[in-house]
Protein backbone atom coordinates (compact mmCIF):
# COMPACT_ATOMS: atom_id res chain seq x y z
CA MET A 1 20.58 -29.97 20.79
CA TYR A 2 18.65 -31.00 17.82
CA ALA A 3 15.82 -29.31 19.53
CA LYS A 4 17.99 -25.75 20.41
CA ALA A 5 18.82 -25.22 16.08
CA ILE A 6 16.00 -26.10 14.80
CA LEU A 7 14.59 -22.89 17.13
CA LEU A 8 17.45 -20.94 16.45
CA VAL A 9 16.46 -21.43 12.55
CA VAL A 10 12.61 -20.52 13.45
CA ALA A 11 14.26 -17.93 14.93
CA LEU A 12 16.13 -16.23 12.00
CA GLY A 13 13.33 -17.54 9.72
CA ALA A 14 10.95 -15.04 11.94
CA ILE A 15 13.68 -12.20 11.89
CA ALA A 16 13.67 -12.51 8.23
CA ALA A 17 10.04 -12.53 7.68
CA VAL A 18 9.73 -8.69 9.67
CA ALA A 19 12.58 -7.30 7.92
CA GLN A 20 10.75 -8.47 4.54
CA ASP A 21 7.60 -6.86 5.75
CA LEU A 22 9.39 -3.75 6.87
CA PRO A 23 7.98 -1.23 4.70
CA ALA A 24 10.44 0.81 2.42
CA ASN A 25 12.30 4.03 4.58
CA TRP A 26 14.38 6.25 1.79
CA ALA A 27 14.59 8.94 5.10
CA GLY A 28 17.92 8.98 6.33
CA THR A 29 21.24 9.68 6.86
CA PHE A 30 23.80 7.23 4.71
CA THR A 31 27.43 6.96 3.26
CA ALA A 32 28.72 8.35 0.66
CA ASN A 33 32.04 6.01 -0.28
CA ASN A 34 30.60 5.64 -4.03
CA ARG A 35 31.03 9.76 -4.49
CA TYR A 36 33.29 11.79 -2.61
CA GLY A 37 33.48 10.66 1.00
CA GLY A 38 31.29 12.52 3.57
CA GLN A 39 27.38 11.68 4.27
CA MET A 40 24.11 11.47 2.38
CA TYR A 41 21.06 13.16 3.46
CA SER A 42 17.98 11.21 2.00
CA CYS A 43 14.27 13.09 2.28
CA PRO A 44 11.38 11.88 0.71
CA ARG A 45 8.36 13.76 0.00
CA GLY A 46 5.73 11.65 -1.65
CA ASN A 47 6.44 9.97 -4.31
CA THR A 48 9.52 12.06 -4.93
CA LEU A 49 13.42 11.52 -3.24
CA TYR A 50 15.59 14.69 -3.22
CA GLY A 51 18.81 14.23 -1.34
CA VAL A 52 22.47 15.41 -0.95
CA TYR A 53 25.48 14.01 -1.44
CA SER A 54 28.93 14.60 -0.14
CA ASN A 55 27.80 18.72 0.02
CA ALA A 56 28.92 17.97 -4.00
CA GLY A 57 25.44 17.23 -5.30
CA PHE A 58 22.34 16.84 -5.22
CA PHE A 59 19.85 14.42 -6.37
CA ILE A 60 16.01 14.13 -7.92
CA GLY A 61 14.04 11.24 -8.02
CA ALA A 62 10.61 9.17 -8.40
CA ILE A 63 10.28 6.45 -6.14
CA THR A 64 8.30 3.00 -6.50
CA GLY A 65 8.21 0.91 -3.98
CA ARG A 66 12.25 0.32 -2.68
CA THR A 67 13.22 1.30 -5.94
CA VAL A 68 13.93 4.88 -7.19
CA GLU A 69 15.22 5.99 -10.57
CA GLY A 70 16.60 9.87 -11.36
CA ASN A 71 18.64 12.24 -11.98
CA TRP A 72 22.29 13.79 -10.55
CA TYR A 73 23.74 17.03 -11.00
CA GLU A 74 27.70 18.54 -8.80
CA GLY A 75 29.28 21.50 -9.25
CA GLY A 76 31.77 21.16 -11.90
CA ARG A 77 33.06 23.70 -15.21
CA GLY A 78 33.44 23.06 -18.48
CA ASP A 79 31.12 20.65 -20.00
CA ARG A 80 28.19 20.43 -18.55
CA ASN A 81 27.33 16.35 -18.61
CA ASP A 82 30.79 16.01 -17.68
CA TRP A 83 28.71 16.78 -13.80
CA GLN A 84 25.16 15.23 -14.28
CA GLY A 85 23.87 12.37 -15.15
CA SER A 86 20.98 9.82 -14.44
CA PHE A 87 20.94 7.27 -11.11
CA ARG A 88 18.99 3.75 -10.48
CA ILE A 89 18.81 2.53 -6.82
CA THR A 90 16.68 -0.35 -4.77
CA LEU A 91 16.62 0.14 -0.84
CA SER A 92 17.44 -3.57 1.19
CA ASP A 93 14.46 -5.45 2.90
CA ASP A 94 16.10 -4.04 6.24
CA ASN A 95 15.90 -0.23 5.31
CA GLN A 96 19.93 -0.77 6.35
CA GLU A 97 21.72 0.41 2.99
CA PHE A 98 21.08 0.45 -0.86
CA ASP A 99 22.18 -0.71 -3.81
CA GLY A 100 22.24 0.40 -7.92
CA PHE A 101 23.93 2.95 -10.44
CA TYR A 102 24.77 5.79 -11.14
CA TYR A 103 25.12 6.96 -14.94
CA ARG A 104 27.41 10.32 -16.29
CA VAL A 105 25.94 11.75 -19.00
CA THR A 106 29.18 11.80 -21.11
CA GLU A 107 30.60 8.12 -20.10
CA ASP A 108 27.97 7.51 -23.01
CA GLY A 109 25.90 4.20 -20.46
CA GLN A 110 29.46 3.11 -17.77
CA GLU A 111 27.83 2.08 -14.91
CA ARG A 112 29.46 3.43 -12.33
CA ARG A 113 27.83 1.20 -8.82
CA TRP A 114 26.16 3.19 -6.38
CA HIS A 115 25.90 1.51 -2.65
CA GLU A 116 25.39 3.30 0.82
CA LYS A 117 24.99 2.28 4.23
CA ARG A 118 22.69 3.86 6.34
CA LEU A 119 24.09 5.36 9.38
CA GLY A 120 23.23 6.06 12.82
CA ALA A 121 23.14 8.26 16.02
CA PRO A 122 24.07 11.01 15.49
CA TRP A 123 23.77 11.81 12.53
CA PRO A 124 19.75 12.19 11.97
CA SER A 125 17.52 9.88 10.93
CA ASN A 126 14.65 11.93 9.73
CA PRO A 127 16.82 15.23 7.93
CA THR A 128 15.33 18.28 7.48
CA ALA A 129 14.33 19.83 4.21
CA GLU A 130 17.56 22.32 4.18
CA GLU A 131 19.69 19.47 5.20
CA CYS A 132 18.45 17.73 2.14
CA LEU A 133 18.18 20.76 -0.19
CA ILE A 134 14.59 20.54 -0.76
CA PRO A 135 14.02 23.46 -3.42
CA GLY A 136 10.43 25.74 -2.49
CA ASP A 137 8.25 27.16 -5.60
CA GLU A 138 11.14 30.21 -5.46
CA ASN A 139 13.78 30.31 -7.85
CA LEU A 140 17.23 31.40 -7.05
CA LEU A 141 17.17 34.07 -9.02
CA GLY A 142 17.50 38.34 -8.06
CA ALA A 143 19.69 39.87 -5.11
CA PHE A 144 20.69 38.46 -2.57
CA PHE A 145 23.61 39.08 1.05
CA ARG A 146 25.81 36.23 1.87
CA GLN A 147 25.30 35.10 5.68
CA PRO A 148 28.51 35.62 6.93
CA HIS A 149 29.68 32.76 9.31
CA ASP A 150 33.30 31.85 10.42
CA SER A 151 36.04 33.11 8.08
CA VAL A 152 32.92 33.47 5.27
CA ALA A 153 32.41 37.51 4.85
CA ALA A 154 28.63 39.50 4.06
CA GLY A 155 28.52 40.33 0.66
CA SER A 156 25.76 41.41 -2.02
CA TYR A 157 25.02 38.52 -4.95
CA SER A 158 23.35 39.27 -8.27
CA LEU A 159 22.14 35.67 -10.09
CA CYS A 160 20.54 35.56 -13.59
CA LYS A 161 19.94 33.27 -15.71
CA ASP A 162 19.85 33.34 -19.96
CA GLU A 163 17.60 31.88 -22.68
CA TRP A 164 20.03 28.90 -22.09
CA SER A 165 19.56 27.48 -18.96
CA GLN A 166 22.55 28.91 -18.06
CA ILE A 167 23.06 31.21 -14.25
CA TYR A 168 26.12 33.80 -14.14
CA GLY A 169 26.43 35.75 -10.92
CA SER A 170 28.74 38.21 -9.20
CA PHE A 171 29.46 38.51 -5.78
CA SER A 172 31.27 41.41 -3.50
CA ASP A 173 33.92 40.83 -0.11
CA PRO A 174 35.87 39.28 -2.09
CA ASP A 175 34.70 40.41 -5.90
CA GLY A 176 34.51 36.84 -7.68
CA TYR A 177 31.54 35.74 -9.72
CA ILE A 178 29.80 31.86 -11.05
CA GLU A 179 29.18 30.39 -13.95
CA GLY A 180 26.80 26.82 -14.28
CA TRP A 181 23.55 26.14 -14.99
CA SER A 182 19.51 26.19 -13.74
CA VAL A 183 18.00 22.68 -12.83
CA ASP A 184 14.37 22.08 -11.57
CA SER A 185 13.09 25.36 -13.14
CA ALA A 186 16.26 27.63 -12.06
CA THR A 187 15.24 26.12 -7.73
CA GLY A 188 19.30 24.54 -8.55
CA PHE A 189 22.24 25.34 -9.66
CA HIS A 190 25.31 23.59 -10.56
CA GLY A 191 28.72 25.30 -11.81
CA TYR A 192 31.51 26.84 -10.25
CA ARG A 193 32.60 29.93 -8.54
CA TYR A 194 35.87 32.07 -8.96
CA ASP A 195 37.15 35.47 -6.63
CA ASN A 196 39.81 37.45 -6.83
CA THR A 197 41.79 35.87 -4.22
CA GLY A 198 42.89 33.50 -7.01
CA ARG A 199 40.09 31.15 -5.30
CA SER A 200 38.18 28.38 -6.89
CA GLY A 201 35.74 25.44 -6.57
CA ALA A 202 32.96 23.28 -7.56
CA TYR A 203 29.79 25.28 -6.39
CA ILE A 204 25.85 24.10 -6.09
CA LEU A 205 23.21 25.95 -4.85
CA ARG A 206 19.33 25.22 -4.00
CA ALA A 207 16.84 27.77 -3.38
CA LEU A 208 15.03 27.00 -0.27
CA ASP A 209 12.18 29.24 0.11
CA GLN A 210 11.25 32.48 -1.30
CA ASN A 211 14.16 33.95 0.92
CA THR A 212 16.59 31.47 2.11
CA VAL A 213 19.05 30.28 -0.96
CA LYS A 214 21.45 26.65 0.61
CA GLY A 215 24.05 25.89 -1.20
CA PHE A 216 27.97 24.27 -0.74
CA TYR A 217 31.32 25.38 -2.10
CA TRP A 218 34.47 23.49 -2.79
CA ARG A 219 38.13 24.87 -2.86
CA GLY A 220 38.68 23.08 -6.31
CA ARG A 221 37.50 20.35 -7.99
CA LEU A 222 35.27 17.59 -6.96
CA ALA A 223 37.77 14.69 -5.39
CA ARG A 224 38.14 13.05 -1.97
CA GLN A 225 41.04 14.51 -0.95
CA ASN A 226 39.30 18.27 -0.96
CA ILE A 227 36.43 17.23 1.13
CA GLU A 228 37.44 18.98 4.06
CA THR A 229 37.92 22.32 1.99
CA VAL A 230 33.93 22.44 1.77
CA GLN A 231 32.07 25.08 3.27
CA SER A 232 27.94 25.79 3.50
CA GLU A 233 26.39 29.06 2.37
CA THR A 234 23.37 30.78 3.09
CA LEU A 235 21.86 33.68 1.03
CA ASN A 236 19.11 35.39 1.87
CA ARG A 237 16.95 37.69 -0.39
CA SER A 238 17.25 41.15 -1.07
CA SER A 239 15.07 41.59 -4.29
CA PHE A 240 13.16 38.81 -7.16
CA THR A 241 14.81 40.56 -9.83
CA ALA A 242 18.87 41.81 -10.57
CA LYS A 243 19.85 43.84 -13.45
CA LEU A 244 22.41 41.99 -15.91
CA MET A 245 25.11 44.90 -15.53
CA ASP A 246 25.22 43.56 -11.77
CA CYS A 247 25.30 40.44 -12.71
CA GLU A 248 27.93 40.28 -15.39
CA ARG A 249 29.63 42.93 -12.72
CA VAL A 250 32.43 40.85 -12.20
CA GLY A 251 34.25 38.05 -15.05
CA PRO A 252 33.12 37.28 -17.97
CA GLY A 253 29.62 37.61 -18.01
CA PHE A 254 27.21 35.07 -20.45
CA LEU A 255 29.61 32.47 -22.46
CA GLU A 256 28.23 30.94 -25.65
CA ARG A 257 30.66 27.92 -24.72
CA LEU A 258 28.54 26.75 -21.28
CA ARG A 259 25.65 25.75 -23.22
CA GLY A 260 24.42 22.88 -23.82
CA PRO A 261 24.32 20.72 -26.72
CA ASP A 262 20.60 21.65 -28.01
CA GLY A 263 21.05 24.91 -27.61
CA ASP A 264 17.81 25.57 -26.31
CA ASP A 265 16.35 25.80 -23.20
CA ASN A 266 15.76 21.78 -22.97
CA SER A 267 19.80 21.02 -23.37
CA SER A 268 20.37 19.36 -20.26
CA ALA A 269 16.98 17.01 -20.32
CA SER A 270 18.54 16.33 -24.06
CA ALA A 271 21.45 15.44 -22.77
CA LEU A 272 19.93 13.40 -20.06
CA ALA A 273 17.95 11.50 -22.16
CA VAL A 274 21.13 9.53 -23.42
CA SER A 275 21.78 7.71 -20.63
CA ALA A 276 21.37 4.21 -20.08
CA ILE A 277 18.12 4.53 -18.09
CA ALA A 278 17.59 8.79 -18.12
CA PHE A 279 14.10 9.19 -17.76
CA VAL A 280 12.41 12.45 -17.01
CA VAL A 281 9.77 12.57 -14.49
CA ALA A 282 6.52 14.58 -15.43
CA ALA A 283 6.77 16.08 -11.25
CA ILE A 284 10.74 16.74 -11.67
CA ALA A 285 10.92 18.14 -14.96
CA LEU A 286 13.82 20.01 -15.31
CA PHE A 287 13.06 23.22 -17.01
């Protein structure tokens, strides 16, 4: 009996040693319980981590071994700083979970725990660039056609950016508009969507390459009970430019109330800097 106990201890020690020797693997699908439910896709590219959680927000982080620090962005309206912030998370030795905190700019450094566990099959262990909304080199400004699917009709989009890094655009079928903010050299957008049927909701977009923009639209605000309303959006480029009159065809157009606190192109970076662990990594500079 004593010998069996010793063997068990040795075996457990060997398993722990193997786990500690595993290289950090940030690629995979995780829960998103500390955000809005659903799942989170995570894709490392070199020393940068890209990902999407709950189809509600996307993040960019700098990888240092088992720790990632970066910034996140969600769909929302009103004060931009309610919908962006920073984070720091650390991967477990066995790569099966991560733990840490995220911070919302308007909450003055208040820590919110971010602890998620890896999901197995059928969830992908190595999500695609599209699933993680990894941006390409081209921005998402210009003219597009919406790819129809399910109950979503084809329609045209025109997207413009002003000097305060606001993005505004109009679309058709049904007529409506989006308003929000530019992220990562205008390869990303987070804001809100409205249409003339009376529907509105949180909205995020990412330019995946020079021809394709992908994102998600929620019916209403971001809340766990609304996750079943989320639908994907795919826009196919028709032009690299759009006229301001086309972008402002529907709705109020660019509004001063959406500008960041600094009133300049670096308003987002300045706002994030007040968060407890906020930083701007050169490789993922916002603008």
